[in-house]
Amino acid sequence: MVDELVLLLHALLMRHRALSIENSQLMEQLRLLVCERASLLRQVRPPSCPVPFPETFSGESARLPEFIVQTTSYMLVNENRFCNDAMKVAFLISLLTGEAEEWVVPYIEMDSPILGDYRAFLDEMKQCFGWDDDEDEDEEGDEYY
């Protein structure tokens, strides 16, 4: 009985190790796909959109408000393409470069719930890249801010 349990435990540990390796490989593929998607989205410019495609954000604190205004405006005009929080967060991620892109990778790797919560994602960005909370209090009722 003990030998059978030891064998079963060994088999489970081996399976766990194999699944962990597979999970790591899948996460790396996901990271590469997110980066590839970001690159492709930067090249896409929808015709006749009254709001210009947002510029990328690399983590400069002074540019964060501008970045949020640009992306919010773009998503409002194209609201049919950004029908849920996950799509909004994915769009923001696609525009991150440099330090900002490095900042988001751990959230992707651990499949953080924040990736499906636009407001929480913005709050994290504001906290990480600097944002005066006094300015933000005026925007509490806004659907996108």
N, C-alpha and C. Protein backbone atom coordinates (compact mmCIF):
# COMPACT_ATOMS: atom_id res chain seq x y z
N MET A 1 0.82 -1.20 0.00
CA MET A 1 0.00 0.00 0.00
C MET A 1 0.87 1.26 0.00
N VAL A 2 1.89 1.28 0.87
CA VAL A 2 2.77 2.44 0.95
C VAL A 2 3.54 2.61 -0.35
N ASP A 3 4.00 1.48 -0.92
CA ASP A 3 4.73 1.55 -2.18
C ASP A 3 3.86 2.12 -3.29
N GLU A 4 2.60 1.72 -3.31
CA GLU A 4 1.68 2.24 -4.32
C GLU A 4 1.47 3.74 -4.15
N LEU A 5 1.37 4.17 -2.90
CA LEU A 5 1.19 5.61 -2.64
C LEU A 5 2.44 6.39 -3.04
N VAL A 6 3.61 5.83 -2.77
CA VAL A 6 4.86 6.48 -3.15
C VAL A 6 4.94 6.60 -4.67
N LEU A 7 4.57 5.53 -5.37
CA LEU A 7 4.58 5.57 -6.84
C LEU A 7 3.58 6.59 -7.37
N LEU A 8 2.42 6.62 -6.77
CA LEU A 8 1.39 7.57 -7.19
C LEU A 8 1.87 9.01 -6.94
N LEU A 9 2.45 9.25 -5.78
CA LEU A 9 2.97 10.57 -5.47
C LEU A 9 4.08 10.97 -6.45
N HIS A 10 4.95 10.03 -6.76
CA HIS A 10 6.02 10.30 -7.72
C HIS A 10 5.43 10.65 -9.09
N ALA A 11 4.44 9.88 -9.50
CA ALA A 11 3.80 10.15 -10.80
C ALA A 11 3.14 11.54 -10.80
N LEU A 12 2.49 11.89 -9.70
CA LEU A 12 1.85 13.21 -9.61
C LEU A 12 2.88 14.33 -9.63
N LEU A 13 3.99 14.14 -8.95
CA LEU A 13 5.04 15.15 -8.97
C LEU A 13 5.63 15.33 -10.36
N MET A 14 5.82 14.24 -11.07
CA MET A 14 6.34 14.30 -12.43
C MET A 14 5.35 15.03 -13.34
N ARG A 15 4.07 14.74 -13.17
CA ARG A 15 3.03 15.39 -13.98
C ARG A 15 2.98 16.89 -13.65
N HIS A 16 3.09 17.21 -12.37
CA HIS A 16 3.10 18.62 -11.95
C HIS A 16 4.27 19.36 -12.59
N ARG A 17 5.43 18.74 -12.58
CA ARG A 17 6.62 19.36 -13.17
C ARG A 17 6.42 19.58 -14.66
N ALA A 18 5.88 18.58 -15.36
CA ALA A 18 5.63 18.70 -16.80
C ALA A 18 4.63 19.82 -17.08
N LEU A 19 3.59 19.89 -16.27
CA LEU A 19 2.58 20.94 -16.46
C LEU A 19 3.16 22.32 -16.16
N SER A 20 4.03 22.41 -15.18
CA SER A 20 4.67 23.69 -14.86
C SER A 20 5.55 24.16 -16.01
N ILE A 21 6.28 23.26 -16.60
CA ILE A 21 7.12 23.60 -17.75
C ILE A 21 6.24 24.04 -18.92
N GLU A 22 5.18 23.28 -19.16
CA GLU A 22 4.27 23.63 -20.25
C GLU A 22 3.63 25.00 -20.00
N ASN A 23 3.25 25.27 -18.76
CA ASN A 23 2.65 26.56 -18.42
C ASN A 23 3.64 27.70 -18.67
N SER A 24 4.89 27.51 -18.32
CA SER A 24 5.92 28.53 -18.55
C SER A 24 6.09 28.79 -20.04
N GLN A 25 6.08 27.73 -20.82
CA GLN A 25 6.21 27.88 -22.27
C GLN A 25 5.01 28.63 -22.84
N LEU A 26 3.82 28.31 -22.36
CA LEU A 26 2.61 28.99 -22.83
C LEU A 26 2.62 30.47 -22.44
N MET A 27 3.09 30.77 -21.24
CA MET A 27 3.17 32.17 -20.81
C MET A 27 4.16 32.95 -21.69
N GLU A 28 5.25 32.33 -22.05
CA GLU A 28 6.22 32.99 -22.93
C GLU A 28 5.60 33.22 -24.31
N GLN A 29 4.86 32.24 -24.81
CA GLN A 29 4.17 32.42 -26.09
C GLN A 29 3.16 33.55 -26.00
N LEU A 30 2.43 33.62 -24.89
CA LEU A 30 1.46 34.68 -24.69
C LEU A 30 2.15 36.04 -24.67
N ARG A 31 3.26 36.13 -23.97
CA ARG A 31 4.01 37.39 -23.92
C ARG A 31 4.44 37.81 -25.32
N LEU A 32 4.94 36.87 -26.11
CA LEU A 32 5.37 37.18 -27.47
C LEU A 32 4.18 37.61 -28.33
N LEU A 33 3.03 36.94 -28.16
CA LEU A 33 1.85 37.32 -28.92
C LEU A 33 1.35 38.71 -28.55
N VAL A 34 1.39 39.04 -27.26
CA VAL A 34 0.97 40.38 -26.83
C VAL A 34 1.89 41.43 -27.44
N CYS A 35 3.18 41.17 -27.45
CA CYS A 35 4.12 42.11 -28.06
C CYS A 35 3.89 42.22 -29.57
N GLU A 36 3.65 41.10 -30.22
CA GLU A 36 3.39 41.11 -31.66
C GLU A 36 2.10 41.87 -31.96
N ARG A 37 1.07 41.63 -31.15
CA ARG A 37 -0.20 42.33 -31.33
C ARG A 37 -0.01 43.82 -31.15
N ALA A 38 0.78 44.20 -30.15
CA ALA A 38 1.04 45.62 -29.92
C ALA A 38 1.71 46.24 -31.13
N SER A 39 2.66 45.53 -31.70
CA SER A 39 3.35 46.03 -32.88
C SER A 39 2.38 46.19 -34.05
N LEU A 40 1.50 45.21 -34.24
CA LEU A 40 0.52 45.30 -35.32
C LEU A 40 -0.48 46.42 -35.10
N LEU A 41 -0.93 46.59 -33.87
CA LEU A 41 -1.89 47.66 -33.58
C LEU A 41 -1.29 49.03 -33.82
N ARG A 42 0.00 49.17 -33.60
CA ARG A 42 0.65 50.46 -33.84
C ARG A 42 0.61 50.82 -35.32
N GLN A 43 0.54 49.79 -36.16
CA GLN A 43 0.54 50.02 -37.60
C GLN A 43 -0.86 50.28 -38.15
N VAL A 44 -1.88 49.95 -37.38
CA VAL A 44 -3.26 50.08 -37.84
C VAL A 44 -3.74 51.50 -37.57
N ARG A 45 -4.23 52.12 -38.58
CA ARG A 45 -4.83 53.45 -38.45
C ARG A 45 -6.20 53.38 -39.12
N PRO A 46 -7.26 53.34 -38.32
CA PRO A 46 -8.58 53.23 -38.92
C PRO A 46 -8.90 54.46 -39.79
N PRO A 47 -9.49 54.23 -40.93
CA PRO A 47 -9.85 55.35 -41.80
C PRO A 47 -11.00 56.15 -41.20
N SER A 48 -10.99 57.40 -41.44
CA SER A 48 -12.05 58.35 -41.08
C SER A 48 -12.38 58.40 -39.58
N CYS A 49 -11.46 58.08 -38.74
CA CYS A 49 -11.69 58.22 -37.30
C CYS A 49 -11.40 59.68 -36.92
N PRO A 50 -12.37 60.34 -36.28
CA PRO A 50 -12.16 61.75 -35.93
C PRO A 50 -11.11 61.97 -34.84
N VAL A 51 -10.77 60.92 -34.11
CA VAL A 51 -9.76 61.03 -33.05
C VAL A 51 -8.52 60.27 -33.50
N PRO A 52 -7.36 60.92 -33.47
CA PRO A 52 -6.15 60.22 -33.91
C PRO A 52 -5.80 59.02 -33.04
N PHE A 53 -5.12 58.07 -33.64
CA PHE A 53 -4.66 56.90 -32.92
C PHE A 53 -3.69 57.37 -31.84
N PRO A 54 -3.85 56.87 -30.59
CA PRO A 54 -2.99 57.34 -29.49
C PRO A 54 -1.52 57.02 -29.70
N GLU A 55 -0.69 57.88 -29.14
CA GLU A 55 0.75 57.64 -29.16
C GLU A 55 1.10 56.60 -28.11
N THR A 56 2.26 56.00 -28.26
CA THR A 56 2.71 55.01 -27.28
C THR A 56 3.12 55.71 -25.99
N PHE A 57 3.19 54.91 -24.93
CA PHE A 57 3.59 55.42 -23.62
C PHE A 57 4.72 54.55 -23.09
N SER A 58 5.86 55.20 -22.79
CA SER A 58 7.01 54.44 -22.32
C SER A 58 7.31 54.61 -20.83
N GLY A 59 6.43 55.33 -20.13
CA GLY A 59 6.59 55.43 -18.68
C GLY A 59 6.92 56.80 -18.15
N GLU A 60 6.97 57.82 -19.01
CA GLU A 60 7.28 59.17 -18.52
C GLU A 60 6.07 59.70 -17.75
N SER A 61 6.28 60.02 -16.48
CA SER A 61 5.19 60.49 -15.62
C SER A 61 4.47 61.70 -16.20
N ALA A 62 5.21 62.61 -16.79
CA ALA A 62 4.60 63.83 -17.33
C ALA A 62 3.65 63.53 -18.50
N ARG A 63 3.85 62.41 -19.18
CA ARG A 63 3.01 62.07 -20.34
C ARG A 63 1.82 61.21 -19.98
N LEU A 64 1.74 60.73 -18.74
CA LEU A 64 0.64 59.83 -18.37
C LEU A 64 -0.73 60.47 -18.56
N PRO A 65 -0.97 61.69 -18.07
CA PRO A 65 -2.31 62.28 -18.29
C PRO A 65 -2.66 62.39 -19.78
N GLU A 66 -1.70 62.81 -20.59
CA GLU A 66 -1.93 62.92 -22.04
C GLU A 66 -2.26 61.55 -22.63
N PHE A 67 -1.51 60.53 -22.22
CA PHE A 67 -1.75 59.17 -22.72
C PHE A 67 -3.16 58.70 -22.36
N ILE A 68 -3.57 58.96 -21.13
CA ILE A 68 -4.90 58.51 -20.69
C ILE A 68 -5.99 59.28 -21.45
N VAL A 69 -5.80 60.56 -21.66
CA VAL A 69 -6.78 61.34 -22.43
C VAL A 69 -6.86 60.82 -23.87
N GLN A 70 -5.71 60.59 -24.48
CA GLN A 70 -5.69 60.09 -25.86
C GLN A 70 -6.39 58.74 -25.97
N THR A 71 -6.04 57.82 -25.10
CA THR A 71 -6.64 56.48 -25.20
C THR A 71 -8.12 56.50 -24.84
N THR A 72 -8.49 57.30 -23.85
CA THR A 72 -9.89 57.40 -23.47
C THR A 72 -10.72 57.97 -24.61
N SER A 73 -10.23 59.02 -25.24
CA SER A 73 -10.94 59.63 -26.36
C SER A 73 -11.09 58.64 -27.51
N TYR A 74 -10.01 57.95 -27.81
CA TYR A 74 -10.03 56.99 -28.91
C TYR A 74 -11.03 55.87 -28.62
N MET A 75 -11.04 55.37 -27.39
CA MET A 75 -11.96 54.28 -27.04
C MET A 75 -13.41 54.75 -27.03
N LEU A 76 -13.65 56.00 -26.65
CA LEU A 76 -15.01 56.53 -26.67
C LEU A 76 -15.55 56.60 -28.09
N VAL A 77 -14.73 57.08 -29.01
CA VAL A 77 -15.15 57.20 -30.40
C VAL A 77 -15.33 55.82 -31.04
N ASN A 78 -14.56 54.86 -30.57
CA ASN A 78 -14.62 53.49 -31.12
C ASN A 78 -15.18 52.52 -30.08
N GLU A 79 -16.22 52.94 -29.37
CA GLU A 79 -16.71 52.15 -28.25
C GLU A 79 -17.18 50.75 -28.64
N ASN A 80 -17.57 50.54 -29.88
CA ASN A 80 -17.98 49.20 -30.29
C ASN A 80 -16.80 48.22 -30.30
N ARG A 81 -15.59 48.74 -30.44
CA ARG A 81 -14.39 47.89 -30.42
C ARG A 81 -13.88 47.64 -29.00
N PHE A 82 -14.34 48.47 -28.06
CA PHE A 82 -13.87 48.38 -26.68
C PHE A 82 -15.07 48.17 -25.76
N CYS A 83 -15.70 47.02 -25.93
CA CYS A 83 -16.99 46.75 -25.29
C CYS A 83 -16.86 46.24 -23.85
N ASN A 84 -15.64 45.94 -23.41
CA ASN A 84 -15.48 45.48 -22.03
C ASN A 84 -14.11 45.91 -21.50
N ASP A 85 -13.94 45.75 -20.20
CA ASP A 85 -12.69 46.19 -19.56
C ASP A 85 -11.46 45.46 -20.09
N ALA A 86 -11.59 44.19 -20.37
CA ALA A 86 -10.44 43.42 -20.86
C ALA A 86 -9.94 43.99 -22.20
N MET A 87 -10.87 44.39 -23.07
CA MET A 87 -10.47 44.97 -24.35
C MET A 87 -9.78 46.32 -24.14
N LYS A 88 -10.29 47.10 -23.21
CA LYS A 88 -9.69 48.41 -22.92
C LYS A 88 -8.27 48.23 -22.37
N VAL A 89 -8.11 47.31 -21.45
CA VAL A 89 -6.79 47.07 -20.86
C VAL A 89 -5.83 46.53 -21.93
N ALA A 90 -6.31 45.62 -22.75
CA ALA A 90 -5.46 45.08 -23.82
C ALA A 90 -5.01 46.19 -24.77
N PHE A 91 -5.91 47.12 -25.05
CA PHE A 91 -5.56 48.24 -25.92
C PHE A 91 -4.47 49.10 -25.27
N LEU A 92 -4.63 49.41 -24.00
CA LEU A 92 -3.59 50.18 -23.31
C LEU A 92 -2.26 49.45 -23.34
N ILE A 93 -2.30 48.15 -23.05
CA ILE A 93 -1.07 47.35 -23.04
C ILE A 93 -0.39 47.39 -24.41
N SER A 94 -1.20 47.36 -25.47
CA SER A 94 -0.63 47.36 -26.81
C SER A 94 0.12 48.64 -27.13
N LEU A 95 -0.13 49.69 -26.38
CA LEU A 95 0.52 50.98 -26.61
C LEU A 95 1.70 51.24 -25.67
N LEU A 96 2.00 50.29 -24.81
CA LEU A 96 3.10 50.47 -23.86
C LEU A 96 4.42 50.06 -24.48
N THR A 97 5.45 50.84 -24.19
CA THR A 97 6.80 50.52 -24.65
C THR A 97 7.77 50.74 -23.49
N GLY A 98 8.99 50.33 -23.68
CA GLY A 98 10.05 50.61 -22.71
C GLY A 98 9.71 50.21 -21.29
N GLU A 99 9.92 51.14 -20.37
CA GLU A 99 9.70 50.88 -18.95
C GLU A 99 8.25 50.48 -18.66
N ALA A 100 7.32 51.12 -19.35
CA ALA A 100 5.90 50.81 -19.13
C ALA A 100 5.57 49.39 -19.59
N GLU A 101 6.16 48.96 -20.68
CA GLU A 101 5.95 47.60 -21.16
C GLU A 101 6.56 46.58 -20.19
N GLU A 102 7.73 46.91 -19.67
CA GLU A 102 8.37 46.03 -18.69
C GLU A 102 7.52 45.94 -17.42
N TRP A 103 6.90 47.05 -17.04
CA TRP A 103 6.06 47.09 -15.85
C TRP A 103 4.88 46.14 -15.97
N VAL A 104 4.29 46.00 -17.15
CA VAL A 104 3.07 45.21 -17.31
C VAL A 104 3.33 43.71 -17.46
N VAL A 105 4.52 43.33 -17.86
CA VAL A 105 4.82 41.90 -18.11
C VAL A 105 4.50 41.01 -16.91
N PRO A 106 4.87 41.36 -15.67
CA PRO A 106 4.53 40.49 -14.54
C PRO A 106 3.02 40.28 -14.38
N TYR A 107 2.22 41.31 -14.67
CA TYR A 107 0.77 41.16 -14.59
C TYR A 107 0.28 40.13 -15.60
N ILE A 108 0.89 40.15 -16.78
CA ILE A 108 0.52 39.19 -17.83
C ILE A 108 0.98 37.79 -17.43
N GLU A 109 2.20 37.70 -16.93
CA GLU A 109 2.75 36.39 -16.57
C GLU A 109 1.94 35.70 -15.48
N MET A 110 1.42 36.48 -14.53
CA MET A 110 0.65 35.85 -13.45
C MET A 110 -0.86 35.88 -13.73
N ASP A 111 -1.22 36.30 -14.96
CA ASP A 111 -2.63 36.38 -15.35
C ASP A 111 -3.44 37.11 -14.28
N SER A 112 -2.96 38.28 -13.94
CA SER A 112 -3.56 39.09 -12.87
C SER A 112 -5.00 39.48 -13.20
N PRO A 113 -5.88 39.47 -12.21
CA PRO A 113 -7.26 39.91 -12.42
C PRO A 113 -7.34 41.37 -12.87
N ILE A 114 -6.30 42.13 -12.63
CA ILE A 114 -6.29 43.54 -13.02
C ILE A 114 -6.38 43.70 -14.54
N LEU A 115 -6.00 42.66 -15.27
CA LEU A 115 -6.06 42.72 -16.74
C LEU A 115 -7.49 42.77 -17.25
N GLY A 116 -8.44 42.45 -16.41
CA GLY A 116 -9.84 42.50 -16.78
C GLY A 116 -10.60 43.61 -16.08
N ASP A 117 -9.88 44.53 -15.46
CA ASP A 117 -10.51 45.62 -14.70
C ASP A 117 -9.85 46.94 -15.11
N TYR A 118 -10.48 47.64 -16.03
CA TYR A 118 -9.90 48.86 -16.61
C TYR A 118 -9.57 49.91 -15.55
N ARG A 119 -10.51 50.18 -14.66
CA ARG A 119 -10.29 51.22 -13.63
C ARG A 119 -9.12 50.83 -12.72
N ALA A 120 -9.07 49.58 -12.30
CA ALA A 120 -7.98 49.13 -11.44
C ALA A 120 -6.64 49.20 -12.18
N PHE A 121 -6.66 48.87 -13.48
CA PHE A 121 -5.43 48.94 -14.28
C PHE A 121 -4.94 50.38 -14.36
N LEU A 122 -5.87 51.31 -14.61
CA LEU A 122 -5.49 52.73 -14.64
C LEU A 122 -4.94 53.18 -13.29
N ASP A 123 -5.58 52.74 -12.22
CA ASP A 123 -5.11 53.11 -10.88
C ASP A 123 -3.68 52.62 -10.65
N GLU A 124 -3.39 51.41 -11.09
CA GLU A 124 -2.03 50.87 -10.95
C GLU A 124 -1.03 51.68 -11.78
N MET A 125 -1.44 52.03 -13.00
CA MET A 125 -0.56 52.85 -13.85
C MET A 125 -0.29 54.19 -13.18
N LYS A 126 -1.35 54.81 -12.66
CA LYS A 126 -1.20 56.11 -12.01
C LYS A 126 -0.27 56.01 -10.81
N GLN A 127 -0.43 54.94 -10.05
CA GLN A 127 0.42 54.76 -8.87
C GLN A 127 1.87 54.54 -9.27
N CYS A 128 2.09 53.73 -10.28
CA CYS A 128 3.45 53.39 -10.68
C CYS A 128 4.17 54.55 -11.38
N PHE A 129 3.45 55.25 -12.27
CA PHE A 129 4.10 56.25 -13.11
C PHE A 129 3.83 57.69 -12.67
N GLY A 130 3.23 57.83 -11.50
CA GLY A 130 3.07 59.16 -10.94
C GLY A 130 1.83 59.88 -11.43
N TRP A 131 0.98 60.20 -10.49
CA TRP A 131 -0.26 60.90 -10.81
C TRP A 131 -0.69 61.61 -9.54
N ASP A 132 -1.05 62.86 -9.66
CA ASP A 132 -1.50 63.63 -8.50
C ASP A 132 -2.93 63.23 -8.19
N ASP A 133 -3.16 62.61 -7.04
CA ASP A 133 -4.49 62.13 -6.67
C ASP A 133 -5.51 63.25 -6.55
N ASP A 134 -5.08 64.47 -6.26
CA ASP A 134 -6.01 65.59 -6.17
C ASP A 134 -6.68 65.84 -7.51
N GLU A 135 -5.92 65.72 -8.61
CA GLU A 135 -6.49 65.91 -9.94
C GLU A 135 -7.49 64.81 -10.23
N ASP A 136 -7.23 63.61 -9.77
CA ASP A 136 -8.07 62.46 -10.07
C ASP A 136 -9.42 62.53 -9.37
N GLU A 137 -9.49 63.20 -8.20
CA GLU A 137 -10.74 63.24 -7.45
C GLU A 137 -11.85 63.92 -8.23
N ASP A 138 -11.50 64.86 -9.10
CA ASP A 138 -12.50 65.55 -9.91
C ASP A 138 -13.09 64.64 -10.97
N GLU A 139 -12.43 63.55 -11.30
CA GLU A 139 -12.85 62.68 -12.38
C GLU A 139 -13.56 61.43 -11.92
N GLU A 140 -13.89 61.32 -10.63
CA GLU A 140 -14.45 60.08 -10.07
C GLU A 140 -15.67 59.59 -10.82
N GLY A 141 -16.54 60.47 -11.30
CA GLY A 141 -17.76 60.01 -11.94
C GLY A 141 -17.58 59.62 -13.38
N ASP A 142 -16.44 59.88 -13.97
CA ASP A 142 -16.22 59.61 -15.38
C ASP A 142 -16.16 58.10 -15.64
N GLU A 143 -16.81 57.67 -16.70
CA GLU A 143 -16.88 56.24 -17.03
C GLU A 143 -15.52 55.66 -17.37
N TYR A 144 -14.65 56.43 -18.00
CA TYR A 144 -13.36 55.90 -18.44
C TYR A 144 -12.24 56.20 -17.47
N TYR A 145 -12.24 57.35 -16.83
CA TYR A 145 -11.16 57.68 -15.89
C TYR A 145 -11.36 56.89 -14.67
